[in-house]
Amino acid sequence: RCKYTEIDIIDDPQKVIKILGNPIKIINVNEEKESFPDLFFNCRF
């Protein structure tokens, strides 16, 4: 928890969505291309 609640899983994201509803964003960790400053200043440490 910081700016967001990050739920980090190795599973089907739809399982979480069925319980908590639609997230703000779903990130596929292996395909993420954001820059260090963007990630850091959005508390995605």
All heavy atoms as atom14 arrays in JSON, in Angstrom:
{
  "sequence": "RCKYTEIDIIDDPQKVIKILGNPIKIINVNEEKESFPDLFFNCRF",
  "atom14_mask": [
    [1, 1, 1, 1, 1, 1, 1, 1, 1, 1, 1, 0, 0, 0],
    [1, 1, 1, 1, 1, 1, 0, 0, 0, 0, 0, 0, 0, 0],
    [1, 1, 1, 1, 1, 1, 1, 1, 1, 0, 0, 0, 0, 0],
    [1, 1, 1, 1, 1, 1, 1, 1, 1, 1, 1, 1, 0, 0],
    [1, 1, 1, 1, 1, 1, 1, 0, 0, 0, 0, 0, 0, 0],
    [1, 1, 1, 1, 1, 1, 1, 1, 1, 0, 0, 0, 0, 0],
    [1, 1, 1, 1, 1, 1, 1, 1, 0, 0, 0, 0, 0, 0],
    [1, 1, 1, 1, 1, 1, 1, 1, 0, 0, 0, 0, 0, 0],
    [1, 1, 1, 1, 1, 1, 1, 1, 0, 0, 0, 0, 0, 0],
    [1, 1, 1, 1, 1, 1, 1, 1, 0, 0, 0, 0, 0, 0],
    [1, 1, 1, 1, 1, 1, 1, 1, 0, 0, 0, 0, 0, 0],
    [1, 1, 1, 1, 1, 1, 1, 1, 0, 0, 0, 0, 0, 0],
    [1, 1, 1, 1, 1, 1, 1, 0, 0, 0, 0, 0, 0, 0],
    [1, 1, 1, 1, 1, 1, 1, 1, 1, 0, 0, 0, 0, 0],
    [1, 1, 1, 1, 1, 1, 1, 1, 1, 0, 0, 0, 0, 0],
    [1, 1, 1, 1, 1, 1, 1, 0, 0, 0, 0, 0, 0, 0],
    [1, 1, 1, 1, 1, 1, 1, 1, 0, 0, 0, 0, 0, 0],
    [1, 1, 1, 1, 1, 1, 1, 1, 1, 0, 0, 0, 0, 0],
    [1, 1, 1, 1, 1, 1, 1, 1, 0, 0, 0, 0, 0, 0],
    [1, 1, 1, 1, 1, 1, 1, 1, 0, 0, 0, 0, 0, 0],
    [1, 1, 1, 1, 0, 0, 0, 0, 0, 0, 0, 0, 0, 0],
    [1, 1, 1, 1, 1, 1, 1, 1, 0, 0, 0, 0, 0, 0],
    [1, 1, 1, 1, 1, 1, 1, 0, 0, 0, 0, 0, 0, 0],
    [1, 1, 1, 1, 1, 1, 1, 1, 0, 0, 0, 0, 0, 0],
    [1, 1, 1, 1, 1, 1, 1, 1, 1, 0, 0, 0, 0, 0],
    [1, 1, 1, 1, 1, 1, 1, 1, 0, 0, 0, 0, 0, 0],
    [1, 1, 1, 1, 1, 1, 1, 1, 0, 0, 0, 0, 0, 0],
    [1, 1, 1, 1, 1, 1, 1, 1, 0, 0, 0, 0, 0, 0],
    [1, 1, 1, 1, 1, 1, 1, 0, 0, 0, 0, 0, 0, 0],
    [1, 1, 1, 1, 1, 1, 1, 1, 0, 0, 0, 0, 0, 0],
    [1, 1, 1, 1, 1, 1, 1, 1, 1, 0, 0, 0, 0, 0],
    [1, 1, 1, 1, 1, 1, 1, 1, 1, 0, 0, 0, 0, 0],
    [1, 1, 1, 1, 1, 1, 1, 1, 1, 0, 0, 0, 0, 0],
    [1, 1, 1, 1, 1, 1, 1, 1, 1, 0, 0, 0, 0, 0],
    [1, 1, 1, 1, 1, 1, 0, 0, 0, 0, 0, 0, 0, 0],
    [1, 1, 1, 1, 1, 1, 1, 1, 1, 1, 1, 0, 0, 0],
    [1, 1, 1, 1, 1, 1, 1, 0, 0, 0, 0, 0, 0, 0],
    [1, 1, 1, 1, 1, 1, 1, 1, 0, 0, 0, 0, 0, 0],
    [1, 1, 1, 1, 1, 1, 1, 1, 0, 0, 0, 0, 0, 0],
    [1, 1, 1, 1, 1, 1, 1, 1, 1, 1, 1, 0, 0, 0],
    [1, 1, 1, 1, 1, 1, 1, 1, 1, 1, 1, 0, 0, 0],
    [1, 1, 1, 1, 1, 1, 1, 1, 0, 0, 0, 0, 0, 0],
    [1, 1, 1, 1, 1, 1, 0, 0, 0, 0, 0, 0, 0, 0],
    [1, 1, 1, 1, 1, 1, 1, 1, 1, 1, 1, 0, 0, 0],
    [1, 1, 1, 1, 1, 1, 1, 1, 1, 1, 1, 0, 0, 0]
  ],
  "atom14_positions": [
    [[0.84, -1.21, 0.0], [0.0, 0.0, 0.0], [0.87, 1.24, 0.0], [1.83, 1.35, 0.74], [-0.9, 0.03, 1.22], [-1.99, -0.99, 1.18], [-3.01, -0.74, 2.28], [-3.86, -1.87, 2.47], [-5.11, -1.95, 2.01], [-5.62, -0.95, 1.35], [-5.82, -3.03, 2.24], [0.0, 0.0, 0.0], [0.0, 0.0, 0.0], [0.0, 0.0, 0.0]],
    [[0.51, 2.17, -0.84], [1.12, 3.5, -0.89], [0.1, 4.37, -1.59], [-1.01, 4.53, -1.09], [2.47, 3.46, -1.63], [3.37, 5.02, -1.51], [0.0, 0.0, 0.0], [0.0, 0.0, 0.0], [0.0, 0.0, 0.0], [0.0, 0.0, 0.0], [0.0, 0.0, 0.0], [0.0, 0.0, 0.0], [0.0, 0.0, 0.0], [0.0, 0.0, 0.0]],
    [[0.44, 4.89, -2.76], [-0.52, 5.66, -3.55], [-1.65, 4.74, -4.03], [-2.78, 5.17, -4.21], [0.19, 6.29, -4.75], [-0.67, 7.19, -5.58], [0.15, 7.88, -6.66], [-0.71, 8.8, -7.49], [0.09, 9.49, -8.52], [0.0, 0.0, 0.0], [0.0, 0.0, 0.0], [0.0, 0.0, 0.0], [0.0, 0.0, 0.0], [0.0, 0.0, 0.0]],
    [[-1.31, 3.47, -4.24], [-2.26, 2.44, -4.66], [-2.16, 1.26, -3.7], [-1.18, 1.13, -2.98], [-1.92, 1.91, -6.06], [-1.83, 2.96, -7.13], [-0.59, 3.45, -7.54], [-2.97, 3.47, -7.72], [-0.5, 4.42, -8.54], [-2.89, 4.44, -8.71], [-1.66, 4.91, -9.11], [-1.58, 5.87, -10.08], [0.0, 0.0, 0.0], [0.0, 0.0, 0.0]],
    [[-3.14, 0.39, -3.75], [-2.99, -0.94, -3.17], [-2.56, -1.82, -4.34], [-3.29, -1.94, -5.34], [-4.31, -1.45, -2.57], [-4.67, -0.6, -1.49], [-4.17, -2.88, -2.06], [0.0, 0.0, 0.0], [0.0, 0.0, 0.0], [0.0, 0.0, 0.0], [0.0, 0.0, 0.0], [0.0, 0.0, 0.0], [0.0, 0.0, 0.0], [0.0, 0.0, 0.0]],
    [[-1.37, -2.39, -4.24], [-0.84, -3.26, -5.29], [-1.02, -4.7, -4.86], [-0.49, -5.11, -3.83], [0.64, -3.0, -5.5], [1.0, -1.6, -5.92], [2.5, -1.43, -6.12], [3.24, -2.43, -6.15], [2.91, -0.28, -6.25], [0.0, 0.0, 0.0], [0.0, 0.0, 0.0], [0.0, 0.0, 0.0], [0.0, 0.0, 0.0], [0.0, 0.0, 0.0]],
    [[-1.76, -5.44, -5.64], [-1.94, -6.87, -5.36], [-1.11, -7.61, -6.41], [-1.44, -7.62, -7.59], [-3.42, -7.27, -5.41], [-4.19, -6.44, -4.39], [-3.56, -8.77, -5.14], [-5.68, -6.63, -4.41], [0.0, 0.0, 0.0], [0.0, 0.0, 0.0], [0.0, 0.0, 0.0], [0.0, 0.0, 0.0], [0.0, 0.0, 0.0], [0.0, 0.0, 0.0]],
    [[-0.02, -8.18, -5.95], [0.99, -8.82, -6.78], [0.7, -10.32, -6.79], [0.75, -10.96, -5.74], [2.36, -8.5, -6.16], [3.54, -8.91, -7.01], [3.37, -9.7, -7.95], [4.64, -8.43, -6.7], [0.0, 0.0, 0.0], [0.0, 0.0, 0.0], [0.0, 0.0, 0.0], [0.0, 0.0, 0.0], [0.0, 0.0, 0.0], [0.0, 0.0, 0.0]],
    [[0.38, -10.86, -7.96], [-0.04, -12.26, -8.04], [0.7, -13.0, -9.14], [1.2, -12.4, -10.09], [-1.56, -12.4, -8.28], [-1.95, -11.81, -9.65], [-2.35, -11.75, -7.16], [-3.38, -12.11, -10.07], [0.0, 0.0, 0.0], [0.0, 0.0, 0.0], [0.0, 0.0, 0.0], [0.0, 0.0, 0.0], [0.0, 0.0, 0.0], [0.0, 0.0, 0.0]],
    [[0.75, -14.31, -9.0], [1.11, -15.21, -10.1], [-0.11, -16.1, -10.25], [-0.21, -17.17, -9.66], [2.38, -16.03, -9.79], [3.56, -15.12, -9.54], [2.68, -16.99, -10.95], [4.83, -15.83, -9.1], [0.0, 0.0, 0.0], [0.0, 0.0, 0.0], [0.0, 0.0, 0.0], [0.0, 0.0, 0.0], [0.0, 0.0, 0.0], [0.0, 0.0, 0.0]],
    [[-1.06, -15.6, -11.02], [-2.36, -16.26, -11.12], [-3.17, -15.54, -12.19], [-2.69, -14.59, -12.82], [-3.09, -16.22, -9.78], [-3.96, -17.44, -9.54], [-4.53, -17.97, -10.52], [-4.09, -17.87, -8.38], [0.0, 0.0, 0.0], [0.0, 0.0, 0.0], [0.0, 0.0, 0.0], [0.0, 0.0, 0.0], [0.0, 0.0, 0.0], [0.0, 0.0, 0.0]],
    [[-4.4, -15.94, -12.35], [-5.32, -15.3, -13.28], [-5.89, -14.03, -12.65], [-6.55, -14.1, -11.61], [-6.46, -16.27, -13.61], [-7.47, -15.72, -14.58], [-7.31, -14.58, -15.04], [-8.44, -16.44, -14.87], [0.0, 0.0, 0.0], [0.0, 0.0, 0.0], [0.0, 0.0, 0.0], [0.0, 0.0, 0.0], [0.0, 0.0, 0.0], [0.0, 0.0, 0.0]],
    [[-5.63, -12.85, -13.23], [-6.15, -11.6, -12.66], [-7.67, -11.59, -12.5], [-8.2, -10.92, -11.61], [-5.71, -10.53, -13.66], [-4.57, -11.13, -14.4], [-4.83, -12.61, -14.42], [0.0, 0.0, 0.0], [0.0, 0.0, 0.0], [0.0, 0.0, 0.0], [0.0, 0.0, 0.0], [0.0, 0.0, 0.0], [0.0, 0.0, 0.0], [0.0, 0.0, 0.0]],
    [[-8.36, -12.36, -13.31], [-9.83, -12.4, -13.23], [-10.32, -12.93, -11.88], [-11.41, -12.58, -11.43], [-10.42, -13.23, -14.37], [-10.25, -12.57, -15.73], [-10.9, -11.2, -15.8], [-12.01, -10.98, -15.33], [-10.18, -10.25, -16.38], [0.0, 0.0, 0.0], [0.0, 0.0, 0.0], [0.0, 0.0, 0.0], [0.0, 0.0, 0.0], [0.0, 0.0, 0.0]],
    [[-9.51, -13.76, -11.23], [-9.9, -14.26, -9.9], [-10.01, -13.11, -8.9], [-10.92, -13.07, -8.09], [-8.87, -15.28, -9.39], [-8.88, -16.6, -10.1], [-7.85, -17.51, -9.46], [-7.77, -18.87, -10.04], [-6.77, -19.71, -9.36], [0.0, 0.0, 0.0], [0.0, 0.0, 0.0], [0.0, 0.0, 0.0], [0.0, 0.0, 0.0], [0.0, 0.0, 0.0]],
    [[-9.06, -12.16, -8.97], [-9.08, -11.0, -8.07], [-10.21, -10.07, -8.47], [-10.95, -9.57, -7.61], [-7.73, -10.26, -8.1], [-7.77, -9.01, -7.23], [-6.6, -11.18, -7.67], [0.0, 0.0, 0.0], [0.0, 0.0, 0.0], [0.0, 0.0, 0.0], [0.0, 0.0, 0.0], [0.0, 0.0, 0.0], [0.0, 0.0, 0.0], [0.0, 0.0, 0.0]],
    [[-10.39, -9.86, -9.76], [-11.42, -8.96, -10.26], [-12.81, -9.44, -9.85], [-13.67, -8.63, -9.48], [-11.3, -8.79, -11.78], [-10.0, -8.04, -12.11], [-12.51, -8.07, -12.36], [-9.61, -8.05, -13.57], [0.0, 0.0, 0.0], [0.0, 0.0, 0.0], [0.0, 0.0, 0.0], [0.0, 0.0, 0.0], [0.0, 0.0, 0.0], [0.0, 0.0, 0.0]],
    [[-13.04, -10.73, -9.85], [-14.35, -11.27, -9.44], [-14.66, -10.92, -7.99], [-15.82, -10.76, -7.62], [-14.39, -12.79, -9.63], [-14.56, -13.22, -11.06], [-14.6, -14.74, -11.15], [-14.65, -15.17, -12.6], [-14.62, -16.63, -12.75], [0.0, 0.0, 0.0], [0.0, 0.0, 0.0], [0.0, 0.0, 0.0], [0.0, 0.0, 0.0], [0.0, 0.0, 0.0]],
    [[-13.63, -10.8, -7.17], [-13.82, -10.52, -5.74], [-13.82, -9.02, -5.45], [-14.69, -8.53, -4.73], [-12.73, -11.23, -4.91], [-12.84, -12.75, -5.1], [-12.83, -10.84, -3.44], [-11.64, -13.52, -4.6], [0.0, 0.0, 0.0], [0.0, 0.0, 0.0], [0.0, 0.0, 0.0], [0.0, 0.0, 0.0], [0.0, 0.0, 0.0], [0.0, 0.0, 0.0]],
    [[-12.87, -8.28, -6.02], [-12.69, -6.87, -5.67], [-13.22, -5.89, -6.71], [-13.25, -4.69, -6.46], [-11.2, -6.57, -5.43], [-10.52, -7.36, -4.31], [-9.05, -6.96, -4.22], [-11.22, -7.12, -2.98], [0.0, 0.0, 0.0], [0.0, 0.0, 0.0], [0.0, 0.0, 0.0], [0.0, 0.0, 0.0], [0.0, 0.0, 0.0], [0.0, 0.0, 0.0]],
    [[-13.6, -6.38, -7.88], [-14.04, -5.49, -8.95], [-12.87, -5.08, -9.82], [-11.74, -5.52, -9.63], [0.0, 0.0, 0.0], [0.0, 0.0, 0.0], [0.0, 0.0, 0.0], [0.0, 0.0, 0.0], [0.0, 0.0, 0.0], [0.0, 0.0, 0.0], [0.0, 0.0, 0.0], [0.0, 0.0, 0.0], [0.0, 0.0, 0.0], [0.0, 0.0, 0.0]],
    [[-13.16, -4.22, -10.78], [-12.13, -3.8, -11.74], [-11.07, -2.93, -11.08], [-11.4, -1.99, -10.37], [-12.76, -3.03, -12.9], [-13.55, -3.94, -13.81], [-13.18, -5.08, -14.03], [-14.65, -3.45, -14.34], [0.0, 0.0, 0.0], [0.0, 0.0, 0.0], [0.0, 0.0, 0.0], [0.0, 0.0, 0.0], [0.0, 0.0, 0.0], [0.0, 0.0, 0.0]],
    [[-9.8, -3.23, -11.35], [-8.71, -2.41, -10.82], [-8.53, -1.14, -11.65], [-9.07, -1.02, -12.74], [-7.5, -3.32, -10.94], [-7.8, -4.17, -12.13], [-9.3, -4.38, -12.1], [0.0, 0.0, 0.0], [0.0, 0.0, 0.0], [0.0, 0.0, 0.0], [0.0, 0.0, 0.0], [0.0, 0.0, 0.0], [0.0, 0.0, 0.0], [0.0, 0.0, 0.0]],
    [[-7.72, -0.23, -11.13], [-7.34, 0.95, -11.88], [-6.49, 0.55, -13.09], [-6.64, 1.08, -14.18], [-6.55, 1.93, -10.98], [-7.45, 2.43, -9.85], [-5.97, 3.09, -11.78], [-6.71, 3.14, -8.73], [0.0, 0.0, 0.0], [0.0, 0.0, 0.0], [0.0, 0.0, 0.0], [0.0, 0.0, 0.0], [0.0, 0.0, 0.0], [0.0, 0.0, 0.0]],
    [[-5.62, -0.42, -12.86], [-4.71, -0.88, -13.91], [-4.26, -2.3, -13.6], [-4.09, -2.66, -12.45], [-3.5, 0.05, -13.99], [-2.52, -0.25, -15.1], [-1.43, 0.81, -15.18], [-0.5, 0.51, -16.33], [0.49, 1.56, -16.53], [0.0, 0.0, 0.0], [0.0, 0.0, 0.0], [0.0, 0.0, 0.0], [0.0, 0.0, 0.0], [0.0, 0.0, 0.0]],
    [[-4.04, -3.08, -14.65], [-3.43, -4.4, -14.53], [-2.08, -4.35, -15.23], [-2.0, -3.95, -16.39], [-4.29, -5.5, -15.17], [-5.67, -5.56, -14.52], [-3.58, -6.86, -15.07], [-6.62, -6.52, -15.2], [0.0, 0.0, 0.0], [0.0, 0.0, 0.0], [0.0, 0.0, 0.0], [0.0, 0.0, 0.0], [0.0, 0.0, 0.0], [0.0, 0.0, 0.0]],
    [[-1.04, -4.75, -14.53], [0.3, -4.7, -15.07], [0.82, -6.12, -15.24], [0.83, -6.9, -14.29], [1.24, -3.93, -14.11], [0.73, -2.5, -13.96], [2.68, -3.97, -14.6], [1.17, -1.84, -12.69], [0.0, 0.0, 0.0], [0.0, 0.0, 0.0], [0.0, 0.0, 0.0], [0.0, 0.0, 0.0], [0.0, 0.0, 0.0], [0.0, 0.0, 0.0]],
    [[1.21, -6.45, -16.46], [1.91, -7.7, -16.71], [3.38, -7.4, -16.44], [4.01, -6.66, -17.19], [1.7, -8.17, -18.15], [2.4, -9.47, -18.45], [3.42, -9.8, -17.83], [1.89, -10.21, -19.39], [0.0, 0.0, 0.0], [0.0, 0.0, 0.0], [0.0, 0.0, 0.0], [0.0, 0.0, 0.0], [0.0, 0.0, 0.0], [0.0, 0.0, 0.0]],
    [[3.91, -7.92, -15.37], [5.25, -7.56, -14.91], [6.3, -7.77, -15.99], [7.21, -6.96, -16.14], [5.61, -8.33, -13.62], [7.05, -8.13, -13.22], [4.67, -7.92, -12.5], [0.0, 0.0, 0.0], [0.0, 0.0, 0.0], [0.0, 0.0, 0.0], [0.0, 0.0, 0.0], [0.0, 0.0, 0.0], [0.0, 0.0, 0.0], [0.0, 0.0, 0.0]],
    [[6.2, -8.81, -16.77], [7.2, -9.11, -17.79], [7.14, -8.18, -18.99], [8.06, -8.13, -19.79], [7.07, -10.56, -18.26], [7.33, -11.53, -17.14], [8.17, -11.28, -16.29], [6.6, -12.62, -17.11], [0.0, 0.0, 0.0], [0.0, 0.0, 0.0], [0.0, 0.0, 0.0], [0.0, 0.0, 0.0], [0.0, 0.0, 0.0], [0.0, 0.0, 0.0]],
    [[6.07, -7.43, -19.13], [5.91, -6.55, -20.29], [5.91, -5.08, -19.91], [5.75, -4.22, -20.77], [4.61, -6.89, -21.01], [4.6, -8.29, -21.59], [3.26, -8.67, -22.2], [2.36, -7.82, -22.26], [3.13, -9.84, -22.6], [0.0, 0.0, 0.0], [0.0, 0.0, 0.0], [0.0, 0.0, 0.0], [0.0, 0.0, 0.0], [0.0, 0.0, 0.0]],
    [[6.12, -4.76, -18.65], [6.07, -3.37, -18.18], [7.23, -2.58, -18.77], [8.37, -3.0, -18.72], [6.11, -3.32, -16.65], [5.89, -1.95, -16.09], [4.57, -1.32, -16.46], [3.59, -2.05, -16.71], [4.51, -0.09, -16.53], [0.0, 0.0, 0.0], [0.0, 0.0, 0.0], [0.0, 0.0, 0.0], [0.0, 0.0, 0.0], [0.0, 0.0, 0.0]],
    [[6.93, -1.4, -19.31], [7.95, -0.58, -19.97], [8.01, 0.85, -19.43], [8.57, 1.71, -20.06], [7.68, -0.52, -21.49], [7.65, -1.87, -22.17], [8.98, -2.56, -22.12], [8.92, -3.88, -22.85], [9.79, -4.88, -22.35], [0.0, 0.0, 0.0], [0.0, 0.0, 0.0], [0.0, 0.0, 0.0], [0.0, 0.0, 0.0], [0.0, 0.0, 0.0]],
    [[7.45, 1.1, -18.26], [7.48, 2.46, -17.71], [8.87, 2.79, -17.18], [9.64, 1.91, -16.83], [6.43, 2.61, -16.62], [5.01, 2.57, -17.18], [3.97, 2.89, -16.14], [4.1, 3.9, -15.44], [3.01, 2.1, -16.03], [0.0, 0.0, 0.0], [0.0, 0.0, 0.0], [0.0, 0.0, 0.0], [0.0, 0.0, 0.0], [0.0, 0.0, 0.0]],
    [[9.17, 4.06, -17.1], [10.49, 4.5, -16.66], [10.6, 4.49, -15.14], [9.6, 4.53, -14.43], [10.76, 5.92, -17.17], [9.93, 6.85, -16.5], [0.0, 0.0, 0.0], [0.0, 0.0, 0.0], [0.0, 0.0, 0.0], [0.0, 0.0, 0.0], [0.0, 0.0, 0.0], [0.0, 0.0, 0.0], [0.0, 0.0, 0.0], [0.0, 0.0, 0.0]],
    [[11.85, 4.46, -14.67], [12.1, 4.49, -13.23], [11.42, 5.69, -12.56], [10.72, 5.52, -11.57], [13.6, 4.47, -12.94], [13.91, 4.68, -11.49], [13.77, 3.65, -10.59], [14.3, 5.94, -11.02], [14.03, 3.84, -9.24], [14.56, 6.14, -9.68], [14.42, 5.09, -8.78], [0.0, 0.0, 0.0], [0.0, 0.0, 0.0], [0.0, 0.0, 0.0]],
    [[11.61, 6.94, -13.07], [10.96, 8.08, -12.38], [9.44, 7.96, -12.34], [8.82, 8.26, -11.31], [11.39, 9.29, -13.21], [12.65, 8.87, -13.88], [12.48, 7.39, -14.15], [0.0, 0.0, 0.0], [0.0, 0.0, 0.0], [0.0, 0.0, 0.0], [0.0, 0.0, 0.0], [0.0, 0.0, 0.0], [0.0, 0.0, 0.0], [0.0, 0.0, 0.0]],
    [[8.83, 7.51, -13.43], [7.36, 7.36, -13.43], [6.92, 6.35, -12.37], [5.95, 6.58, -11.65], [6.86, 6.91, -14.8], [6.94, 8.0, -15.85], [7.02, 9.2, -15.47], [6.93, 7.67, -17.05], [0.0, 0.0, 0.0], [0.0, 0.0, 0.0], [0.0, 0.0, 0.0], [0.0, 0.0, 0.0], [0.0, 0.0, 0.0], [0.0, 0.0, 0.0]],
    [[7.62, 5.25, -12.29], [7.27, 4.23, -11.3], [7.54, 4.73, -9.88], [6.69, 4.61, -9.0], [8.07, 2.95, -11.57], [7.74, 2.24, -12.88], [8.78, 1.17, -13.17], [6.34, 1.65, -12.84], [0.0, 0.0, 0.0], [0.0, 0.0, 0.0], [0.0, 0.0, 0.0], [0.0, 0.0, 0.0], [0.0, 0.0, 0.0], [0.0, 0.0, 0.0]],
    [[8.72, 5.29, -9.67], [9.11, 5.73, -8.33], [8.17, 6.81, -7.79], [7.69, 6.73, -6.66], [10.55, 6.24, -8.34], [11.06, 6.62, -6.99], [11.56, 5.66, -6.14], [11.01, 7.94, -6.55], [12.02, 5.99, -4.87], [11.47, 8.29, -5.29], [11.98, 7.31, -4.45], [0.0, 0.0, 0.0], [0.0, 0.0, 0.0], [0.0, 0.0, 0.0]],
    [[7.88, 7.82, -8.6], [7.06, 8.94, -8.12], [5.57, 8.61, -8.09], [4.77, 9.41, -7.59], [7.36, 10.2, -8.93], [8.74, 10.73, -8.65], [9.71, 10.74, -9.63], [9.08, 11.17, -7.38], [10.99, 11.2, -9.36], [10.36, 11.63, -7.09], [11.31, 11.64, -8.09], [0.0, 0.0, 0.0], [0.0, 0.0, 0.0], [0.0, 0.0, 0.0]],
    [[5.2, 7.43, -8.56], [3.84, 6.94, -8.38], [3.78, 5.86, -7.3], [2.83, 5.09, -7.23], [3.28, 6.4, -9.71], [2.71, 7.51, -10.54], [1.76, 8.16, -10.12], [3.3, 7.75, -11.7], [0.0, 0.0, 0.0], [0.0, 0.0, 0.0], [0.0, 0.0, 0.0], [0.0, 0.0, 0.0], [0.0, 0.0, 0.0], [0.0, 0.0, 0.0]],
    [[4.83, 5.82, -6.49], [4.91, 4.89, -5.34], [4.86, 3.43, -5.75], [4.46, 2.57, -4.98], [3.82, 5.19, -4.31], [3.95, 6.81, -3.57], [0.0, 0.0, 0.0], [0.0, 0.0, 0.0], [0.0, 0.0, 0.0], [0.0, 0.0, 0.0], [0.0, 0.0, 0.0], [0.0, 0.0, 0.0], [0.0, 0.0, 0.0], [0.0, 0.0, 0.0]],
    [[5.29, 3.12, -6.95], [5.34, 1.74, -7.4], [6.8, 1.27, -7.25], [7.51, 1.01, -8.2], [4.81, 1.64, -8.83], [3.32, 1.93, -8.86], [2.75, 2.16, -10.22], [3.04, 1.08, -11.16], [2.86, 1.21, -12.48], [2.4, 2.33, -12.99], [3.14, 0.22, -13.28], [0.0, 0.0, 0.0], [0.0, 0.0, 0.0], [0.0, 0.0, 0.0]],
    [[7.2, 1.18, -5.98], [8.6, 0.99, -5.63], [9.17, -0.36, -6.06], [10.32, -0.45, -6.44], [8.82, 1.24, -4.14], [8.4, 2.61, -3.71], [7.41, 2.79, -2.76], [8.97, 3.74, -4.28], [7.01, 4.05, -2.36], [8.59, 5.01, -3.9], [7.6, 5.17, -2.94], [0.0, 0.0, 0.0], [0.0, 0.0, 0.0], [0.0, 0.0, 0.0]]
  ]
}
